[in-house]
Amino acid sequence: MDSSNFLQRRALAGATAADFYVSTLPDLEPAHALSLSSGYLPARPPRAGAASSSDAADDAHLFFLLERARHTPTKRRLIVWLNGGPGCSSFDGVLMEVGAFRPNDKGGLEWATPGGAWNEYADVLYLDQPVGTGFSYVSTSGYTTSLQQAADEVLYFLKRFIEVYPEYRRGEGVDVYVAGESFAGQYIPYVANTLNEAGRSSPVDLKGIAIGNGYIDPIAQYGTELDMMVEAKIWDTSSEEYGRINKIKQNCRKALDSIKGDPPRWIDECEDLLSDIVSETTHKIGGRNTCINIYDVRLSDESPACGMNWPPLVAPMYKYLDREDVRKALHVDKTHKPEAWIECNKRVGSRLNDKGSKASVVHLPKLLESGIKVMLFAGDQDLICNHIGVERVPERLQWGGSGWGNPPKVDWYVNNSMAGYWRTNRNLTYVSIAGGSHMVPFDKPVETHDMMLRFMGVDLLAAAGPSARIPSRLGDEKDRMVLIGGGGGTEKDDRPMIPGVDGKTEAQVAEEAKWAAYYNAGSAALIVLILLVGAGACVLLRLRRRSR
């Protein structure tokens, strides 16, 4: 579709799903069918005197990308994915974490690890928000200034979204989950609370939220960076570095202890703690200044990046999204967004300056009381939003007259290996992912996908795909396995089916899953065809009898 023609059509109030359809992506390795849509919808109501409903105040538009599910289980689901920052594009999620493809070293795209993409059994909607983030745009004086405003703009966007895609509308049977990581730990509870408070006027049916290595509660999380340095055996409590940082931590702790009522999202006395840890780890090695990677304590990086060069897919992601043919395929507005894509927009982050606003943790009790499921998960190798602090968040919560209690740690196995542990009670789940970094789906794609499928209650026995063929269990339960038909009955397929087990390669696993899906679909079609032929024969015989 020609970009200029698309933009003209998008400006009309009656835009349809066809206007946003992406027929192909440049240099995407052929293997699977692609069902993708992307483009812009307004984030704010029309300005006074506007000629069109898309003429948003401050020209504020959010860019979205929608990946349709490759396999449809008995229940349809939509995951709304937000990245953090603030001001970081959700193409991080698309191309490095939970999306269907990854940038390769050839300048194109390759398909994600089989069983690792979240659109295997759910539709996934990625949002570049707040306005100005990623490919989204807004006038220079119109940046979002508060978490509540950001949530209101997501709500407004979703109202416009269901006008184009009414199948996701509230009451249509689609369960909606809002998920993301890092600073999205602030965005997501605000968005969920705004949807929840909208009641029957909410555009979608919100069922749960999932936050990975998120910044949620300053009281629970500030200062745990130092605890993580000790747990990772980088420092011990007798080291000079620990002693210097501990003084800063104690000053932070005093400020936290003095808070009365709901905590603000920003505490001045605590903000420098992480940067001071980084400074203590910065040394010249081989003529280069190196420092700890704040997103993975197992790694180092060049100073002053200290993690900003990681993951290694960042550079090829920039290269791919800078291509003119890619921008055209994704319907990027070259008039309003002529500049190159950047991963994290500092102007967006600096304008979100409501440092005295309430931390998002204040919204979790009401969400839980309303029946909204909450899952917090954390890779255990992250420093900046580490698992120690994230696990303390539910331990501090009170809702419905009581707290989370002390749910036991239940071992979690994926592909016959320890994946971490789960703690669940009263609609609130915490998941620790062994060996995971700040961006857990990058390190552990299959494990985090299995986690999300469990959280959403996806019935893998009713679907076909790589994840349905990966053994997974919690505690002493039996492995979740796909059931296959044979010999007039059903039997359990107990064969492990992913790389490293039984000598199978990723390509073999994907191929077997694909043919399993085709077989299931073909069997159903054959049965329908037989029934239609039978019905047609009966009608024909009756007609012949009548003609005689």
Protein backbone atom coordinates (compact mmCIF):
# COMPACT_ATOMS: atom_id res chain seq x y z
CA MET A 1 0.00 0.00 0.00
CA ASP A 2 1.34 3.46 -0.90
CA SER A 3 2.23 5.39 2.27
CA SER A 4 0.66 8.65 1.15
CA ASN A 5 -2.58 6.87 0.21
CA PHE A 6 -2.54 5.10 3.57
CA LEU A 7 -2.12 8.36 5.45
CA GLN A 8 -5.00 9.93 3.56
CA ARG A 9 -7.25 6.98 4.36
CA ARG A 10 -6.13 6.89 7.98
CA ALA A 11 -7.23 10.48 8.42
CA LEU A 12 -10.80 9.42 7.67
CA ALA A 13 -13.03 8.54 10.60
CA GLY A 14 -14.01 5.29 8.92
CA ALA A 15 -10.60 3.64 8.77
CA THR A 16 -10.81 -0.15 8.56
CA ALA A 17 -8.53 -3.03 9.49
CA ALA A 18 -7.49 -3.30 5.83
CA ASP A 19 -5.84 0.13 6.08
CA PHE A 20 -3.40 -1.21 8.67
CA TYR A 21 -2.66 -4.63 7.18
CA VAL A 22 1.03 -5.43 6.63
CA SER A 23 1.33 -7.82 3.70
CA THR A 24 5.03 -8.53 4.16
CA LEU A 25 8.16 -7.39 5.98
CA PRO A 26 11.38 -6.88 4.01
CA ASP A 27 13.92 -9.68 4.31
CA LEU A 28 11.86 -11.82 6.66
CA GLU A 29 12.98 -15.41 6.19
CA PRO A 30 10.08 -17.46 4.73
CA ALA A 31 8.79 -20.17 7.02
CA HIS A 32 5.49 -19.20 8.58
CA ALA A 33 2.37 -17.34 7.60
CA LEU A 34 2.43 -13.71 8.72
CA SER A 35 -0.65 -11.92 10.06
CA LEU A 36 0.47 -8.44 11.01
CA SER A 37 -1.03 -4.97 11.20
CA SER A 38 0.47 -1.62 12.17
CA GLY A 39 -0.11 2.10 12.01
CA TYR A 40 -1.45 5.03 14.01
CA LEU A 41 -4.54 5.84 16.03
CA PRO A 42 -5.28 8.97 18.07
CA ALA A 43 -4.22 9.13 21.71
CA ARG A 44 -6.29 12.19 22.61
CA PRO A 45 -9.75 13.53 21.75
CA PRO A 46 -10.05 15.87 18.75
CA ARG A 47 -8.95 19.45 19.25
CA ALA A 48 -11.62 22.12 19.21
CA GLY A 49 -12.98 22.72 15.73
CA ALA A 50 -11.29 19.63 14.26
CA ALA A 51 -12.63 18.40 10.94
CA SER A 52 -11.93 14.73 11.71
CA SER A 53 -12.00 12.50 14.79
CA SER A 54 -8.37 11.59 14.04
CA ASP A 55 -7.26 15.23 14.43
CA ALA A 56 -6.12 14.65 18.00
CA ALA A 57 -5.18 17.45 20.35
CA ASP A 58 -1.46 18.23 20.05
CA ASP A 59 -1.47 15.87 17.04
CA ALA A 60 -0.95 13.03 19.54
CA HIS A 61 -0.95 9.58 17.90
CA LEU A 62 0.22 6.22 19.18
CA PHE A 63 1.91 3.75 16.88
CA PHE A 64 0.83 0.13 17.25
CA LEU A 65 1.81 -3.25 15.87
CA LEU A 66 -0.59 -6.19 16.10
CA GLU A 67 0.60 -9.79 15.75
CA ARG A 68 -2.19 -12.31 15.32
CA ALA A 69 -2.04 -15.72 16.99
CA ARG A 70 -0.59 -18.53 14.89
CA HIS A 71 -2.75 -21.12 16.65
CA THR A 72 -6.14 -20.49 18.20
CA PRO A 73 -7.02 -22.36 21.40
CA THR A 74 -10.59 -22.65 22.67
CA LYS A 75 -10.42 -19.17 24.24
CA ARG A 76 -9.20 -16.10 22.37
CA ARG A 77 -6.80 -13.73 24.18
CA LEU A 78 -5.14 -10.38 23.53
CA ILE A 79 -1.89 -9.32 25.24
CA VAL A 80 -1.19 -5.56 25.25
CA TRP A 81 2.59 -5.17 25.57
CA LEU A 82 4.29 -2.02 26.94
CA ASN A 83 8.01 -1.40 27.32
CA GLY A 84 9.43 0.93 29.93
CA GLY A 85 12.03 3.67 30.00
CA PRO A 86 10.17 5.92 30.38
CA GLY A 87 10.21 6.62 26.66
CA CYS A 88 11.44 3.24 25.36
CA SER A 89 9.83 1.76 22.26
CA SER A 90 7.90 -1.50 22.39
CA PHE A 91 9.92 -2.64 19.39
CA ASP A 92 12.19 -3.90 22.17
CA GLY A 93 9.38 -6.32 22.88
CA VAL A 94 8.71 -7.04 19.21
CA LEU A 95 12.29 -7.67 18.09
CA MET A 96 14.16 -8.76 21.22
CA GLU A 97 11.70 -10.25 23.71
CA VAL A 98 8.28 -11.71 22.97
CA GLY A 99 7.69 -11.05 19.26
CA ALA A 100 7.59 -13.53 16.41
CA PHE A 101 10.90 -12.53 14.79
CA ARG A 102 14.38 -11.20 15.57
CA PRO A 103 16.88 -9.09 13.59
CA ASN A 104 19.73 -11.15 12.16
CA ASP A 105 23.31 -10.35 11.21
CA LYS A 106 22.35 -10.16 7.52
CA GLY A 107 20.28 -7.01 7.95
CA GLY A 108 16.95 -8.86 7.83
CA LEU A 109 14.73 -10.85 10.18
CA GLU A 110 14.58 -14.46 11.29
CA TRP A 111 11.87 -16.28 13.22
CA ALA A 112 12.06 -16.46 17.00
CA THR A 113 12.93 -19.64 18.87
CA PRO A 114 10.11 -22.19 18.39
CA GLY A 115 7.89 -22.00 21.46
CA GLY A 116 9.23 -18.58 22.46
CA ALA A 117 6.95 -16.12 20.64
CA TRP A 118 3.93 -14.95 22.63
CA ASN A 119 1.72 -14.82 19.56
CA GLU A 120 1.76 -18.61 19.37
CA TYR A 121 -1.64 -18.81 21.12
CA ALA A 122 -2.62 -15.16 21.68
CA ASP A 123 -2.85 -11.96 19.68
CA VAL A 124 -0.24 -9.44 20.85
CA LEU A 125 -0.68 -5.66 20.56
CA TYR A 126 2.53 -3.62 20.98
CA LEU A 127 2.20 0.08 21.80
CA ASP A 128 4.78 2.83 21.44
CA GLN A 129 3.66 4.94 24.38
CA PRO A 130 3.58 7.61 25.80
CA VAL A 131 3.24 9.77 22.68
CA GLY A 132 6.61 10.56 21.15
CA THR A 133 8.02 7.13 22.00
CA GLY A 134 9.37 5.04 19.12
CA PHE A 135 7.33 5.73 15.98
CA SER A 136 4.55 7.53 17.88
CA TYR A 137 4.37 11.30 17.46
CA VAL A 138 3.09 14.47 19.13
CA SER A 139 3.75 18.19 18.83
CA THR A 140 6.86 19.33 20.70
CA SER A 141 4.77 21.08 23.34
CA GLY A 142 2.39 18.16 23.84
CA TYR A 143 4.41 15.44 25.57
CA THR A 144 2.71 13.41 28.28
CA THR A 145 3.51 14.74 31.76
CA SER A 146 2.02 12.22 34.20
CA LEU A 147 1.42 8.50 34.64
CA GLN A 148 -2.32 9.07 34.84
CA GLN A 149 -2.29 11.04 31.59
CA ALA A 150 -0.36 8.20 29.95
CA ALA A 151 -3.00 5.72 31.15
CA ASP A 152 -5.83 7.94 29.94
CA GLU A 153 -4.21 8.07 26.51
CA VAL A 154 -3.95 4.29 26.34
CA LEU A 155 -7.63 4.09 27.26
CA TYR A 156 -8.54 6.55 24.51
CA PHE A 157 -6.37 4.65 22.02
CA LEU A 158 -8.09 1.36 22.89
CA LYS A 159 -11.49 2.93 22.30
CA ARG A 160 -10.37 3.89 18.81
CA PHE A 161 -8.68 0.49 18.36
CA ILE A 162 -11.91 -1.47 18.91
CA GLU A 163 -13.65 0.71 16.33
CA VAL A 164 -11.21 -0.70 13.79
CA TYR A 165 -11.03 -4.18 15.36
CA PRO A 166 -14.46 -4.77 16.95
CA GLU A 167 -13.66 -8.43 17.64
CA TYR A 168 -11.71 -7.29 20.72
CA ARG A 169 -14.57 -5.22 22.09
CA ARG A 170 -15.80 -5.80 25.63
CA GLY A 171 -18.35 -8.59 25.69
CA GLU A 172 -17.01 -10.35 22.58
CA GLY A 173 -15.33 -13.09 24.61
CA VAL A 174 -11.69 -11.98 24.28
CA ASP A 175 -9.68 -11.99 27.52
CA VAL A 176 -7.24 -9.08 27.65
CA TYR A 177 -3.96 -8.96 29.58
CA VAL A 178 -1.60 -6.00 29.89
CA ALA A 179 2.05 -7.02 30.13
CA GLY A 180 5.50 -5.47 29.98
CA GLU A 181 8.74 -4.90 31.83
CA SER A 182 10.96 -2.38 33.65
CA PHE A 183 9.35 1.08 33.99
CA ALA A 184 6.18 -0.45 32.56
CA GLY A 185 5.82 -1.56 36.19
CA GLN A 186 4.54 2.00 36.65
CA TYR A 187 2.53 2.20 33.43
CA ILE A 188 0.71 -1.12 33.69
CA PRO A 189 -1.05 -0.75 37.09
CA TYR A 190 -2.12 2.76 36.10
CA VAL A 191 -3.51 1.52 32.78
CA ALA A 192 -5.21 -1.45 34.45
CA ASN A 193 -6.74 0.73 37.14
CA THR A 194 -8.04 3.16 34.51
CA LEU A 195 -9.63 0.33 32.53
CA ASN A 196 -11.05 -1.20 35.71
CA GLU A 197 -12.55 2.09 36.89
CA ALA A 198 -14.17 2.59 33.48
CA GLY A 199 -16.45 -0.33 34.39
CA ARG A 200 -18.93 -1.22 31.67
CA SER A 201 -17.60 1.59 29.48
CA SER A 202 -14.19 -0.06 29.33
CA PRO A 203 -13.40 -0.90 25.71
CA VAL A 204 -12.01 -4.36 26.58
CA ASP A 205 -12.41 -7.19 29.08
CA LEU A 206 -9.33 -6.92 31.31
CA LYS A 207 -8.49 -10.21 33.03
CA GLY A 208 -4.94 -9.75 34.29
CA ILE A 209 -1.61 -7.94 34.28
CA ALA A 210 1.94 -9.30 34.09
CA ILE A 211 5.02 -7.24 35.03
CA GLY A 212 8.57 -8.44 34.43
CA ASN A 213 11.50 -7.05 36.43
CA GLY A 214 9.38 -3.98 36.96
CA TYR A 215 9.82 -0.86 39.05
CA ILE A 216 6.63 -0.90 41.12
CA ASP A 217 7.17 -0.08 44.81
CA PRO A 218 10.08 2.14 45.95
CA ILE A 219 9.78 1.04 49.58
CA ALA A 220 10.16 -2.63 48.65
CA GLN A 221 12.76 -2.15 45.93
CA TYR A 222 15.10 0.75 46.66
CA GLY A 223 18.34 -0.44 48.20
CA THR A 224 18.07 -4.03 47.04
CA GLU A 225 20.65 -3.28 44.35
CA LEU A 226 23.31 -3.60 47.06
CA ASP A 227 21.76 -6.86 48.29
CA MET A 228 21.96 -8.16 44.72
CA MET A 229 25.66 -7.32 44.48
CA VAL A 230 26.25 -9.47 47.56
CA GLU A 231 24.02 -12.33 46.35
CA ALA A 232 25.89 -12.35 43.01
CA LYS A 233 29.15 -12.62 44.97
CA ILE A 234 30.55 -9.49 43.34
CA TRP A 235 31.03 -7.89 46.75
CA ASP A 236 30.81 -9.20 50.29
CA THR A 237 29.66 -7.31 53.35
CA SER A 238 33.25 -6.76 54.52
CA SER A 239 34.46 -5.13 51.29
CA GLU A 240 35.26 -1.42 51.07
CA GLU A 241 32.87 -0.97 48.15
CA TYR A 242 30.02 -2.46 50.16
CA GLY A 243 30.79 -0.18 53.11
CA ARG A 244 30.72 2.98 50.98
CA ILE A 245 27.47 2.06 49.19
CA ASN A 246 25.83 0.86 52.41
CA LYS A 247 26.11 4.39 53.84
CA ILE A 248 24.14 5.69 50.85
CA LYS A 249 21.64 2.86 51.27
CA GLN A 250 21.07 3.74 54.94
CA ASN A 251 20.39 7.35 53.98
CA CYS A 252 17.91 6.07 51.39
CA ARG A 253 16.33 3.80 54.00
CA LYS A 254 15.77 6.71 56.38
CA ALA A 255 13.95 8.61 53.64
CA LEU A 256 11.78 5.58 52.90
CA ASP A 257 10.99 5.03 56.58
CA SER A 258 9.83 8.65 56.88
CA ILE A 259 7.14 8.23 54.19
CA LYS A 260 3.62 8.58 55.53
CA GLY A 261 0.81 7.16 53.44
CA ASP A 262 1.19 6.17 49.81
CA PRO A 263 4.77 6.26 48.50
CA PRO A 264 5.73 8.58 45.62
CA ARG A 265 7.41 7.00 42.61
CA TRP A 266 10.57 9.10 43.06
CA ILE A 267 12.75 9.35 46.17
CA ASP A 268 15.65 11.82 45.79
CA GLU A 269 17.80 10.20 48.48
CA CYS A 270 17.64 6.83 46.66
CA GLU A 271 18.05 7.79 43.02
CA ASP A 272 21.86 7.86 42.97
CA LEU A 273 22.35 4.48 44.63
CA LEU A 274 22.55 2.50 41.40
CA SER A 275 24.84 4.98 39.66
CA ASP A 276 27.14 4.92 42.68
CA ILE A 277 27.31 1.12 42.46
CA VAL A 278 28.20 1.44 38.78
CA SER A 279 30.94 3.93 39.64
CA GLU A 280 32.40 1.50 42.17
CA THR A 281 32.56 -1.22 39.49
CA THR A 282 34.18 0.98 36.83
CA HIS A 283 37.81 0.09 36.14
CA LYS A 284 40.27 0.43 33.29
CA ILE A 285 40.99 -2.98 31.77
CA GLY A 286 43.13 -3.35 28.67
CA GLY A 287 42.96 0.36 28.00
CA ARG A 288 39.14 0.46 28.23
CA ASN A 289 36.92 1.69 31.01
CA THR A 290 34.61 -1.20 31.89
CA CYS A 291 31.73 -1.42 34.33
CA ILE A 292 28.99 -3.79 35.42
CA ASN A 293 26.04 -4.41 33.10
CA ILE A 294 23.11 -3.12 35.16
CA TYR A 295 20.75 -5.47 33.30
CA ASP A 296 22.78 -8.65 33.86
CA VAL A 297 25.25 -8.98 36.75
CA ARG A 298 27.10 -11.77 34.91
CA LEU A 299 28.25 -9.30 32.25
CA SER A 300 30.38 -6.18 31.95
CA ASP A 301 30.16 -3.34 29.43
CA GLU A 302 32.11 -0.32 28.32
CA SER A 303 31.69 2.78 30.45
CA PRO A 304 29.57 4.88 30.43
CA ALA A 305 27.10 2.52 28.66
CA CYS A 306 27.15 -0.06 31.50
CA GLY A 307 24.41 -2.12 29.87
CA MET A 308 23.03 0.22 27.22
CA ASN A 309 24.90 -1.72 24.51
CA TRP A 310 23.03 -4.86 25.52
CA PRO A 311 21.36 -7.08 24.33
CA PRO A 312 23.47 -7.67 21.23
CA LEU A 313 20.34 -7.36 19.07
CA VAL A 314 20.14 -3.60 19.74
CA ALA A 315 22.49 -2.63 16.89
CA PRO A 316 20.82 -4.79 14.19
CA MET A 317 17.40 -3.61 15.44
CA TYR A 318 18.41 0.01 14.81
CA LYS A 319 19.74 -0.91 11.38
CA TYR A 320 16.56 -2.72 10.36
CA LEU A 321 14.12 -0.07 11.59
CA ASP A 322 16.11 2.66 9.84
CA ARG A 323 15.45 1.10 6.43
CA GLU A 324 13.06 3.08 4.24
CA ASP A 325 11.38 -0.07 2.88
CA VAL A 326 10.76 -1.31 6.44
CA ARG A 327 9.27 2.02 7.53
CA LYS A 328 7.00 1.97 4.45
CA ALA A 329 5.89 -1.61 5.13
CA LEU A 330 5.02 -0.69 8.73
CA HIS A 331 3.08 2.42 7.61
CA VAL A 332 5.37 4.81 9.49
CA ASP A 333 4.16 8.37 8.95
CA LYS A 334 7.08 10.06 7.15
CA THR A 335 5.40 13.46 7.45
CA HIS A 336 4.95 13.47 11.22
CA LYS A 337 7.81 11.07 12.03
CA PRO A 338 10.58 11.81 9.51
CA GLU A 339 13.40 11.32 12.01
CA ALA A 340 15.15 8.02 12.57
CA TRP A 341 13.72 5.57 15.10
CA ILE A 342 15.43 5.60 18.50
CA GLU A 343 15.05 2.96 21.17
CA CYS A 344 14.54 5.32 24.13
CA ASN A 345 13.46 8.94 23.70
CA LYS A 346 14.97 11.06 26.48
CA ARG A 347 12.58 13.94 25.79
CA VAL A 348 9.61 11.68 26.51
CA GLY A 349 11.22 10.54 29.77
CA SER A 350 12.17 14.01 30.92
CA ARG A 351 8.69 15.40 30.32
CA LEU A 352 7.11 12.62 32.38
CA ASN A 353 8.09 14.65 35.42
CA ASP A 354 5.36 13.80 37.92
CA LYS A 355 7.94 12.62 40.45
CA GLY A 356 5.60 13.30 43.35
CA SER A 357 2.79 11.15 41.95
CA LYS A 358 1.89 7.93 43.72
CA ALA A 359 3.91 4.85 42.89
CA SER A 360 1.91 2.34 40.87
CA VAL A 361 1.88 -0.20 43.74
CA VAL A 362 -1.05 1.73 45.24
CA HIS A 363 -3.30 0.38 42.47
CA LEU A 364 -2.55 -3.31 42.97
CA PRO A 365 -4.85 -3.91 46.00
CA LYS A 366 -7.92 -2.57 44.22
CA LEU A 367 -7.14 -4.56 41.08
CA LEU A 368 -6.82 -7.75 43.13
CA GLU A 369 -10.05 -7.01 45.00
CA SER A 370 -11.78 -6.55 41.63
CA GLY A 371 -10.72 -10.04 40.54
CA ILE A 372 -7.93 -8.92 38.20
CA LYS A 373 -5.12 -11.47 38.22
CA VAL A 374 -1.64 -10.10 38.91
CA MET A 375 1.67 -11.78 38.06
CA LEU A 376 5.07 -10.33 38.92
CA PHE A 377 8.06 -12.12 37.42
CA ALA A 378 11.79 -11.51 37.59
CA GLY A 379 14.97 -12.86 36.09
CA ASP A 380 17.36 -13.60 38.93
CA GLN A 381 20.43 -12.00 37.26
CA ASP A 382 19.08 -8.45 36.89
CA LEU A 383 20.53 -5.62 38.98
CA ILE A 384 18.45 -2.52 38.27
CA CYS A 385 15.02 -4.07 39.05
CA ASN A 386 16.28 -7.21 40.71
CA HIS A 387 14.34 -10.25 41.89
CA ILE A 388 14.99 -9.49 45.59
CA GLY A 389 13.04 -6.24 45.42
CA VAL A 390 10.34 -7.54 43.09
CA GLU A 391 9.58 -10.47 45.41
CA ARG A 392 9.22 -8.07 48.34
CA VAL A 393 6.44 -6.17 46.54
CA PRO A 394 3.69 -8.78 47.13
CA GLU A 395 5.00 -9.43 50.63
CA ARG A 396 4.10 -5.83 51.57
CA LEU A 397 0.63 -5.78 50.00
CA GLN A 398 -2.68 -5.80 51.86
CA TRP A 399 -6.03 -6.26 50.13
CA GLY A 400 -9.43 -7.58 51.06
CA GLY A 401 -8.55 -7.46 54.77
CA SER A 402 -5.35 -9.51 54.65
CA GLY A 403 -1.99 -9.90 52.95
CA TRP A 404 -0.35 -12.29 50.56
CA GLY A 405 0.62 -14.68 53.34
CA ASN A 406 3.66 -16.87 52.88
CA PRO A 407 2.95 -19.08 49.86
CA PRO A 408 5.56 -21.80 49.35
CA LYS A 409 8.08 -21.83 46.54
CA VAL A 410 7.03 -24.44 43.99
CA ASP A 411 9.76 -25.67 41.66
CA TRP A 412 9.07 -25.09 37.99
CA TYR A 413 10.49 -27.25 35.22
CA VAL A 414 10.49 -26.54 31.48
CA ASN A 415 12.05 -28.93 28.97
CA ASN A 416 13.13 -31.19 31.85
CA SER A 417 15.28 -28.41 33.38
CA MET A 418 14.75 -26.23 36.43
CA ALA A 419 13.26 -22.96 35.19
CA GLY A 420 12.74 -21.26 38.55
CA TYR A 421 9.91 -21.25 41.06
CA TRP A 422 6.35 -19.98 41.54
CA ARG A 423 4.61 -18.53 44.59
CA THR A 424 0.86 -18.06 44.28
CA ASN A 425 -1.89 -17.00 46.68
CA ARG A 426 -5.10 -15.01 46.47
CA ASN A 427 -4.93 -14.19 42.74
CA LEU A 428 -1.35 -12.88 43.03
CA THR A 429 1.61 -14.80 41.58
CA TYR A 430 5.34 -14.24 41.78
CA VAL A 431 7.63 -16.13 39.38
CA SER A 432 11.41 -16.28 39.67
CA ILE A 433 13.16 -17.22 36.41
CA ALA A 434 16.55 -18.89 36.87
CA GLY A 435 19.28 -17.38 34.72
CA GLY A 436 17.08 -14.54 33.48
CA SER A 437 18.28 -10.96 33.02
CA HIS A 438 16.36 -7.68 33.13
CA MET A 439 14.81 -8.60 29.77
CA VAL A 440 13.88 -12.14 30.73
CA PRO A 441 12.23 -13.16 27.43
CA PHE A 442 15.51 -12.39 25.64
CA ASP A 443 17.39 -14.94 27.77
CA LYS A 444 14.58 -17.38 28.45
CA PRO A 445 12.05 -17.19 25.61
CA VAL A 446 10.54 -20.66 25.99
CA GLU A 447 10.34 -20.44 29.78
CA THR A 448 8.69 -17.01 29.86
CA HIS A 449 6.21 -18.05 27.18
CA ASP A 450 5.32 -21.16 29.19
CA MET A 451 4.89 -18.89 32.22
CA MET A 452 2.50 -16.59 30.36
CA LEU A 453 0.48 -19.51 28.99
CA ARG A 454 0.07 -20.88 32.51
CA PHE A 455 -0.92 -17.47 33.84
CA MET A 456 -3.57 -17.02 31.15
CA GLY A 457 -4.84 -20.58 31.57
CA VAL A 458 -4.29 -21.57 27.94
CA ASP A 459 -5.46 -25.11 27.23
CA LEU A 460 -2.57 -26.53 25.24
CA LEU A 461 -4.45 -29.76 24.62
CA ALA A 462 -6.84 -27.84 22.40
CA ALA A 463 -4.09 -26.19 20.36
CA ALA A 464 -1.16 -27.21 18.19
CA GLY A 465 2.22 -25.52 18.12
CA PRO A 466 5.74 -25.72 19.56
CA SER A 467 4.69 -24.86 23.12
CA ALA A 468 2.18 -27.69 23.13
CA ARG A 469 5.08 -30.07 22.62
CA ILE A 470 7.41 -28.77 25.35
CA PRO A 471 7.23 -30.61 28.69
CA SER A 472 6.43 -28.31 31.61
CA ARG A 473 5.38 -28.87 35.21
CA LEU A 474 5.04 -27.21 38.58
CA GLY A 475 6.10 -29.21 41.61
CA ASP A 476 4.88 -32.80 41.50
CA GLU A 477 2.27 -32.33 38.79
CA LYS A 478 2.54 -34.34 35.59
CA ASP A 479 4.14 -32.72 32.55
CA ARG A 480 1.71 -30.80 30.38
CA MET A 481 1.81 -32.63 27.04
CA VAL A 482 -0.17 -32.48 23.85
CA LEU A 483 -2.57 -35.39 23.33
CA ILE A 484 -2.41 -37.03 19.94
CA GLY A 485 -4.87 -39.32 18.26
CA GLY A 486 -3.95 -42.81 17.07
CA GLY A 487 -5.41 -46.27 16.70
CA GLY A 488 -8.92 -45.12 17.39
CA GLY A 489 -8.04 -43.47 20.73
CA THR A 490 -5.77 -40.92 22.35
CA GLU A 491 -2.39 -41.43 23.84
CA LYS A 492 0.09 -39.29 25.70
CA ASP A 493 3.06 -38.05 23.71
CA ASP A 494 5.79 -38.35 26.33
CA ARG A 495 8.67 -37.49 24.02
CA PRO A 496 10.51 -34.25 24.84
CA MET A 497 10.29 -32.21 21.68
CA ILE A 498 12.70 -29.26 21.79
CA PRO A 499 16.39 -28.80 20.97
CA GLY A 500 18.89 -30.59 23.16
CA VAL A 501 16.55 -33.47 23.86
CA ASP A 502 16.37 -36.59 21.66
CA GLY A 503 18.78 -34.86 19.28
CA LYS A 504 16.08 -32.76 17.63
CA THR A 505 16.93 -29.39 16.12
CA GLU A 506 14.80 -26.24 16.37
CA ALA A 507 13.91 -26.61 12.69
CA GLN A 508 12.70 -30.18 13.26
CA VAL A 509 10.58 -29.09 16.21
CA ALA A 510 9.02 -26.24 14.25
CA GLU A 511 8.36 -28.50 11.27
CA GLU A 512 6.72 -31.19 13.42
CA ALA A 513 4.56 -28.60 15.13
CA LYS A 514 3.56 -27.09 11.80
CA TRP A 515 2.48 -30.43 10.36
CA ALA A 516 0.65 -31.26 13.57
CA ALA A 517 -1.33 -28.06 13.15
CA TYR A 518 -1.99 -28.82 9.49
CA TYR A 519 -3.06 -32.36 10.36
CA ASN A 520 -5.52 -31.17 13.02
CA ALA A 521 -6.94 -28.51 10.73
CA GLY A 522 -7.07 -30.93 7.78
CA SER A 523 -8.82 -33.60 9.84
CA ALA A 524 -11.49 -31.16 10.92
CA ALA A 525 -11.95 -29.94 7.35
CA LEU A 526 -12.23 -33.52 6.06
CA ILE A 527 -14.94 -34.34 8.60
CA VAL A 528 -16.89 -31.22 7.60
CA LEU A 529 -16.48 -32.14 3.93
CA ILE A 530 -17.74 -35.69 4.51
CA LEU A 531 -20.78 -34.37 6.37
CA LEU A 532 -21.53 -31.88 3.58
CA VAL A 533 -21.17 -34.54 0.89
CA GLY A 534 -23.46 -36.84 2.85
CA ALA A 535 -26.04 -34.11 3.32
CA GLY A 536 -25.81 -33.19 -0.36
CA ALA A 537 -26.38 -36.79 -1.44
CA CYS A 538 -29.53 -37.03 0.72
CA VAL A 539 -30.92 -33.82 -0.78
CA LEU A 540 -30.14 -35.01 -4.30
CA LEU A 541 -31.89 -38.34 -3.75
CA ARG A 542 -34.98 -36.59 -2.38
CA LEU A 543 -35.06 -34.21 -5.34
CA ARG A 544 -34.81 -37.11 -7.76
CA ARG A 545 -37.63 -38.94 -6.01
CA ARG A 546 -39.80 -35.84 -6.19
CA SER A 547 -39.06 -35.37 -9.92
CA ARG A 548 -40.24 -38.89 -10.59
